Amino acid sequence: MTRAASLRLYPINALFGGNMRRAVLVVGLVLGGCAGGGDWVKEGATDDELRQDLAICRDQGSLVTSRDRRIEQDIRASRVGSPLSTDLGTFRDDVRESRVEQRFDDVVDRCMRGRGYARAGEDL
């Protein structure tokens, strides 16, 4: 199947530069993120306290993952113009980035739980 035929048959493929593997990964990550989503709740906490605690936890997540993000950026920059800058290399980059995002989410989750919050629908 030609690239043009692939883009006509699978319109989502066009959104990701003709890379079906990347499209599948991104859609999977988005759906996976939705499954684990939900609002944070804490008995007696105001909306302002929630926003402040969440901002603190996100800052903590950013600090923890900033080194990983810089490393990934360096890896991608080192491959520009090399045989490793293929669709497979890009797919690997996407997988590594999703791991960094998962680590960020895990840090925020542990931080919020440590502050006494739970996801809506969970026992407090």
N, C-alpha and C. Protein backbone atom coordinates (compact mmCIF):
# COMPACT_ATOMS: atom_id res chain seq x y z
N MET A 1 0.86 -1.17 0.00
CA MET A 1 0.00 0.00 0.00
C MET A 1 0.91 1.24 0.00
N THR A 2 0.57 2.18 -0.85
CA THR A 2 1.36 3.40 -0.92
C THR A 2 1.02 4.32 0.25
N ARG A 3 1.93 5.26 0.49
CA ARG A 3 1.71 6.22 1.58
C ARG A 3 0.43 7.01 1.35
N ALA A 4 0.18 7.43 0.11
CA ALA A 4 -1.02 8.21 -0.20
C ALA A 4 -2.27 7.39 0.07
N ALA A 5 -2.24 6.09 -0.31
CA ALA A 5 -3.40 5.23 -0.07
C ALA A 5 -3.60 5.04 1.43
N SER A 6 -2.50 4.90 2.17
CA SER A 6 -2.59 4.73 3.62
C SER A 6 -3.22 5.95 4.27
N LEU A 7 -2.85 7.13 3.80
CA LEU A 7 -3.39 8.36 4.38
C LEU A 7 -4.88 8.51 4.06
N ARG A 8 -5.31 8.02 2.87
CA ARG A 8 -6.73 8.08 2.52
C ARG A 8 -7.54 7.07 3.33
N LEU A 9 -7.00 5.87 3.51
CA LEU A 9 -7.73 4.82 4.22
C LEU A 9 -7.78 5.04 5.72
N TYR A 10 -6.74 5.61 6.26
CA TYR A 10 -6.64 5.82 7.70
C TYR A 10 -6.38 7.30 7.99
N PRO A 11 -7.45 8.13 8.00
CA PRO A 11 -7.26 9.58 8.17
C PRO A 11 -6.48 9.95 9.42
N ILE A 12 -6.61 9.16 10.49
CA ILE A 12 -5.87 9.49 11.71
C ILE A 12 -4.37 9.43 11.46
N ASN A 13 -3.99 8.58 10.51
CA ASN A 13 -2.59 8.43 10.15
C ASN A 13 -2.01 9.77 9.66
N ALA A 14 -2.81 10.55 8.95
CA ALA A 14 -2.34 11.84 8.44
C ALA A 14 -2.01 12.80 9.57
N LEU A 15 -2.72 12.69 10.68
CA LEU A 15 -2.46 13.58 11.82
C LEU A 15 -1.08 13.35 12.41
N PHE A 16 -0.52 12.17 12.20
CA PHE A 16 0.76 11.81 12.79
C PHE A 16 1.83 11.61 11.73
N GLY A 17 1.73 12.37 10.66
CA GLY A 17 2.76 12.35 9.63
C GLY A 17 2.88 11.02 8.91
N GLY A 18 1.78 10.29 8.80
CA GLY A 18 1.81 9.02 8.10
C GLY A 18 2.38 7.89 8.93
N ASN A 19 2.53 8.09 10.21
CA ASN A 19 3.13 7.08 11.07
C ASN A 19 2.05 6.44 11.93
N MET A 20 1.56 5.28 11.47
CA MET A 20 0.47 4.60 12.17
C MET A 20 0.90 4.15 13.56
N ARG A 21 2.15 3.71 13.70
CA ARG A 21 2.62 3.27 15.03
C ARG A 21 2.52 4.41 16.03
N ARG A 22 2.93 5.59 15.61
CA ARG A 22 2.86 6.75 16.50
C ARG A 22 1.40 7.06 16.84
N ALA A 23 0.53 6.98 15.85
CA ALA A 23 -0.89 7.25 16.08
C ALA A 23 -1.46 6.29 17.11
N VAL A 24 -1.13 5.00 16.97
CA VAL A 24 -1.63 4.00 17.92
C VAL A 24 -1.09 4.28 19.32
N LEU A 25 0.19 4.62 19.43
CA LEU A 25 0.79 4.91 20.74
C LEU A 25 0.11 6.11 21.39
N VAL A 26 -0.06 7.18 20.65
CA VAL A 26 -0.65 8.39 21.21
C VAL A 26 -2.10 8.15 21.64
N VAL A 27 -2.87 7.48 20.80
CA VAL A 27 -4.26 7.19 21.15
C VAL A 27 -4.31 6.31 22.40
N GLY A 28 -3.44 5.32 22.47
CA GLY A 28 -3.39 4.46 23.65
C GLY A 28 -3.04 5.22 24.92
N LEU A 29 -2.08 6.13 24.81
CA LEU A 29 -1.69 6.91 25.98
C LEU A 29 -2.81 7.84 26.42
N VAL A 30 -3.50 8.43 25.46
CA VAL A 30 -4.60 9.32 25.81
C VAL A 30 -5.71 8.54 26.50
N LEU A 31 -6.06 7.39 25.95
CA LEU A 31 -7.12 6.59 26.56
C LEU A 31 -6.68 6.06 27.92
N GLY A 32 -5.44 5.68 28.04
CA GLY A 32 -4.92 5.21 29.32
C GLY A 32 -4.94 6.31 30.36
N GLY A 33 -4.62 7.52 29.93
CA GLY A 33 -4.65 8.65 30.85
C GLY A 33 -6.06 8.95 31.31
N CYS A 34 -7.02 8.78 30.42
CA CYS A 34 -8.42 9.01 30.80
C CYS A 34 -8.88 8.00 31.83
N ALA A 35 -8.42 6.77 31.68
CA ALA A 35 -8.86 5.72 32.61
C ALA A 35 -8.40 6.01 34.03
N GLY A 36 -7.21 6.59 34.17
CA GLY A 36 -6.68 6.85 35.50
C GLY A 36 -6.99 8.26 36.00
N GLY A 37 -7.78 8.98 35.23
CA GLY A 37 -8.04 10.37 35.57
C GLY A 37 -9.03 10.51 36.71
N GLY A 38 -9.44 11.70 36.93
CA GLY A 38 -10.40 11.98 37.99
C GLY A 38 -9.92 13.15 38.81
N ASP A 39 -10.85 13.71 39.53
CA ASP A 39 -10.54 14.87 40.36
C ASP A 39 -10.00 14.41 41.70
N TRP A 40 -9.17 15.25 42.27
CA TRP A 40 -8.65 15.01 43.62
C TRP A 40 -9.65 15.56 44.63
N VAL A 41 -9.86 14.82 45.70
CA VAL A 41 -10.75 15.26 46.77
C VAL A 41 -10.08 15.04 48.12
N LYS A 42 -10.44 15.91 49.04
CA LYS A 42 -9.95 15.79 50.41
C LYS A 42 -11.01 16.42 51.31
N GLU A 43 -11.44 15.67 52.26
CA GLU A 43 -12.48 16.17 53.15
C GLU A 43 -12.00 17.45 53.85
N GLY A 44 -12.81 18.50 53.75
CA GLY A 44 -12.51 19.75 54.41
C GLY A 44 -11.58 20.69 53.63
N ALA A 45 -11.04 20.24 52.50
CA ALA A 45 -10.14 21.09 51.71
C ALA A 45 -10.95 22.03 50.82
N THR A 46 -10.51 23.28 50.75
CA THR A 46 -11.16 24.25 49.87
C THR A 46 -10.58 24.10 48.46
N ASP A 47 -11.25 24.71 47.48
CA ASP A 47 -10.75 24.69 46.10
C ASP A 47 -9.37 25.36 46.02
N ASP A 48 -9.18 26.43 46.77
CA ASP A 48 -7.88 27.10 46.77
C ASP A 48 -6.78 26.20 47.33
N GLU A 49 -7.09 25.49 48.40
CA GLU A 49 -6.09 24.57 48.97
C GLU A 49 -5.76 23.46 47.98
N LEU A 50 -6.78 22.95 47.31
CA LEU A 50 -6.56 21.91 46.30
C LEU A 50 -5.66 22.43 45.19
N ARG A 51 -5.97 23.61 44.65
CA ARG A 51 -5.16 24.17 43.57
C ARG A 51 -3.72 24.39 44.02
N GLN A 52 -3.54 24.90 45.24
CA GLN A 52 -2.20 25.14 45.76
C GLN A 52 -1.43 23.82 45.94
N ASP A 53 -2.07 22.83 46.53
CA ASP A 53 -1.42 21.54 46.73
C ASP A 53 -1.08 20.87 45.40
N LEU A 54 -2.00 20.94 44.45
CA LEU A 54 -1.76 20.35 43.14
C LEU A 54 -0.60 21.07 42.43
N ALA A 55 -0.54 22.39 42.54
CA ALA A 55 0.56 23.14 41.94
C ALA A 55 1.90 22.73 42.56
N ILE A 56 1.92 22.56 43.87
CA ILE A 56 3.15 22.14 44.56
C ILE A 56 3.56 20.75 44.07
N CYS A 57 2.60 19.85 43.97
CA CYS A 57 2.91 18.49 43.54
C CYS A 57 3.36 18.45 42.07
N ARG A 58 2.76 19.27 41.23
CA ARG A 58 3.19 19.34 39.82
C ARG A 58 4.59 19.91 39.72
N ASP A 59 4.90 20.91 40.53
CA ASP A 59 6.27 21.45 40.55
C ASP A 59 7.26 20.36 40.94
N GLN A 60 6.88 19.57 41.94
CA GLN A 60 7.74 18.47 42.38
C GLN A 60 7.92 17.46 41.23
N GLY A 61 6.85 17.15 40.53
CA GLY A 61 6.94 16.24 39.39
C GLY A 61 7.83 16.79 38.29
N SER A 62 7.74 18.08 38.05
CA SER A 62 8.59 18.71 37.03
C SER A 62 10.06 18.66 37.42
N LEU A 63 10.35 18.90 38.70
CA LEU A 63 11.73 18.82 39.16
C LEU A 63 12.30 17.42 39.01
N VAL A 64 11.51 16.43 39.36
CA VAL A 64 11.97 15.04 39.29
C VAL A 64 12.21 14.61 37.84
N THR A 65 11.38 15.04 36.91
CA THR A 65 11.49 14.58 35.53
C THR A 65 12.29 15.51 34.62
N SER A 66 12.71 16.66 35.11
CA SER A 66 13.42 17.61 34.24
C SER A 66 14.73 17.02 33.72
N ARG A 67 15.45 16.28 34.54
CA ARG A 67 16.70 15.66 34.10
C ARG A 67 16.41 14.65 32.99
N ASP A 68 15.37 13.84 33.16
CA ASP A 68 15.01 12.85 32.15
C ASP A 68 14.66 13.53 30.83
N ARG A 69 13.93 14.64 30.90
CA ARG A 69 13.55 15.35 29.68
C ARG A 69 14.78 15.92 28.96
N ARG A 70 15.73 16.44 29.71
CA ARG A 70 16.96 16.97 29.09
C ARG A 70 17.74 15.84 28.42
N ILE A 71 17.81 14.69 29.05
CA ILE A 71 18.52 13.55 28.46
C ILE A 71 17.84 13.14 27.17
N GLU A 72 16.52 13.03 27.17
CA GLU A 72 15.79 12.66 25.96
C GLU A 72 15.99 13.68 24.85
N GLN A 73 16.02 14.95 25.20
CA GLN A 73 16.24 16.00 24.22
C GLN A 73 17.63 15.85 23.60
N ASP A 74 18.64 15.56 24.42
CA ASP A 74 20.00 15.37 23.92
C ASP A 74 20.08 14.15 22.99
N ILE A 75 19.40 13.07 23.35
CA ILE A 75 19.40 11.88 22.50
C ILE A 75 18.80 12.19 21.14
N ARG A 76 17.67 12.89 21.12
CA ARG A 76 17.03 13.23 19.84
C ARG A 76 17.93 14.15 19.02
N ALA A 77 18.56 15.11 19.66
CA ALA A 77 19.42 16.05 18.93
C ALA A 77 20.63 15.34 18.34
N SER A 78 21.14 14.33 19.03
CA SER A 78 22.33 13.64 18.53
C SER A 78 22.03 12.79 17.30
N ARG A 79 20.77 12.49 17.04
CA ARG A 79 20.42 11.62 15.92
C ARG A 79 19.97 12.38 14.69
N VAL A 80 19.90 13.68 14.73
CA VAL A 80 19.44 14.45 13.58
C VAL A 80 20.37 14.18 12.40
N GLY A 81 19.78 13.72 11.30
CA GLY A 81 20.55 13.45 10.09
C GLY A 81 21.25 12.10 10.10
N SER A 82 21.10 11.32 11.15
CA SER A 82 21.75 10.01 11.20
C SER A 82 20.77 8.93 10.77
N PRO A 83 21.28 7.73 10.50
CA PRO A 83 20.37 6.62 10.14
C PRO A 83 19.39 6.29 11.27
N LEU A 84 19.68 6.73 12.49
CA LEU A 84 18.80 6.44 13.62
C LEU A 84 17.59 7.38 13.67
N SER A 85 17.55 8.40 12.79
CA SER A 85 16.42 9.33 12.79
C SER A 85 15.32 8.81 11.88
N THR A 86 14.93 7.57 12.09
CA THR A 86 13.91 6.90 11.31
C THR A 86 12.59 6.91 12.06
N ASP A 87 11.56 6.35 11.43
CA ASP A 87 10.27 6.22 12.11
C ASP A 87 10.42 5.39 13.37
N LEU A 88 11.25 4.34 13.32
CA LEU A 88 11.45 3.51 14.50
C LEU A 88 12.12 4.31 15.61
N GLY A 89 13.10 5.13 15.25
CA GLY A 89 13.75 5.99 16.25
C GLY A 89 12.77 6.97 16.84
N THR A 90 11.90 7.53 16.02
CA THR A 90 10.88 8.47 16.49
C THR A 90 9.89 7.75 17.40
N PHE A 91 9.52 6.54 17.03
CA PHE A 91 8.62 5.74 17.86
C PHE A 91 9.25 5.48 19.22
N ARG A 92 10.52 5.14 19.23
CA ARG A 92 11.23 4.91 20.51
C ARG A 92 11.25 6.18 21.34
N ASP A 93 11.46 7.32 20.69
CA ASP A 93 11.42 8.60 21.40
C ASP A 93 10.06 8.80 22.06
N ASP A 94 9.01 8.49 21.32
CA ASP A 94 7.65 8.64 21.85
C ASP A 94 7.42 7.75 23.06
N VAL A 95 7.93 6.52 22.99
CA VAL A 95 7.79 5.60 24.11
C VAL A 95 8.54 6.12 25.32
N ARG A 96 9.77 6.59 25.10
CA ARG A 96 10.55 7.13 26.23
C ARG A 96 9.88 8.35 26.82
N GLU A 97 9.33 9.22 25.98
CA GLU A 97 8.63 10.41 26.47
C GLU A 97 7.40 10.00 27.28
N SER A 98 6.70 8.96 26.82
CA SER A 98 5.53 8.51 27.58
C SER A 98 5.95 7.98 28.95
N ARG A 99 7.13 7.39 29.05
CA ARG A 99 7.63 6.92 30.34
C ARG A 99 7.93 8.10 31.26
N VAL A 100 8.48 9.16 30.71
CA VAL A 100 8.75 10.36 31.50
C VAL A 100 7.43 10.95 31.99
N GLU A 101 6.44 11.00 31.11
CA GLU A 101 5.12 11.52 31.50
C GLU A 101 4.50 10.65 32.59
N GLN A 102 4.66 9.34 32.48
CA GLN A 102 4.12 8.44 33.49
C GLN A 102 4.82 8.66 34.83
N ARG A 103 6.12 8.88 34.78
CA ARG A 103 6.86 9.15 36.01
C ARG A 103 6.37 10.45 36.65
N PHE A 104 6.15 11.48 35.84
CA PHE A 104 5.61 12.75 36.33
C PHE A 104 4.27 12.51 37.03
N ASP A 105 3.37 11.76 36.34
CA ASP A 105 2.05 11.47 36.92
C ASP A 105 2.17 10.70 38.23
N ASP A 106 3.11 9.76 38.28
CA ASP A 106 3.31 8.98 39.51
C ASP A 106 3.79 9.86 40.67
N VAL A 107 4.69 10.79 40.38
CA VAL A 107 5.19 11.69 41.42
C VAL A 107 4.05 12.57 41.93
N VAL A 108 3.25 13.12 41.03
CA VAL A 108 2.13 13.96 41.43
C VAL A 108 1.13 13.14 42.24
N ASP A 109 0.86 11.92 41.80
CA ASP A 109 -0.08 11.06 42.51
C ASP A 109 0.40 10.78 43.94
N ARG A 110 1.66 10.39 44.09
CA ARG A 110 2.19 10.10 45.43
C ARG A 110 2.19 11.34 46.31
N CYS A 111 2.51 12.48 45.73
CA CYS A 111 2.54 13.73 46.47
C CYS A 111 1.15 14.09 46.98
N MET A 112 0.16 14.01 46.09
CA MET A 112 -1.21 14.36 46.49
C MET A 112 -1.74 13.39 47.54
N ARG A 113 -1.46 12.12 47.38
CA ARG A 113 -1.89 11.14 48.37
C ARG A 113 -1.20 11.40 49.71
N GLY A 114 0.06 11.80 49.64
CA GLY A 114 0.80 12.14 50.85
C GLY A 114 0.22 13.35 51.57
N ARG A 115 -0.47 14.19 50.84
CA ARG A 115 -1.11 15.37 51.42
C ARG A 115 -2.55 15.07 51.86
N GLY A 116 -2.94 13.81 51.76
CA GLY A 116 -4.26 13.41 52.25
C GLY A 116 -5.36 13.39 51.22
N TYR A 117 -5.05 13.54 49.95
CA TYR A 117 -6.06 13.54 48.90
C TYR A 117 -6.27 12.12 48.36
N ALA A 118 -7.41 11.93 47.74
CA ALA A 118 -7.72 10.70 47.02
C ALA A 118 -8.40 11.10 45.72
N ARG A 119 -8.42 10.18 44.78
CA ARG A 119 -9.17 10.41 43.55
C ARG A 119 -10.65 10.33 43.84
N ALA A 120 -11.43 11.14 43.16
CA ALA A 120 -12.88 11.10 43.34
C ALA A 120 -13.37 9.68 43.09
N GLY A 121 -14.19 9.21 43.99
CA GLY A 121 -14.72 7.86 43.87
C GLY A 121 -13.95 6.84 44.70
N GLU A 122 -12.76 7.20 45.16
CA GLU A 122 -11.99 6.30 46.03
C GLU A 122 -12.32 6.62 47.47
N ASP A 123 -12.04 5.69 48.35
CA ASP A 123 -12.22 5.95 49.77
C ASP A 123 -11.15 6.92 50.25
N LEU A 124 -11.55 7.85 51.09
CA LEU A 124 -10.59 8.81 51.65
C LEU A 124 -9.83 8.21 52.81
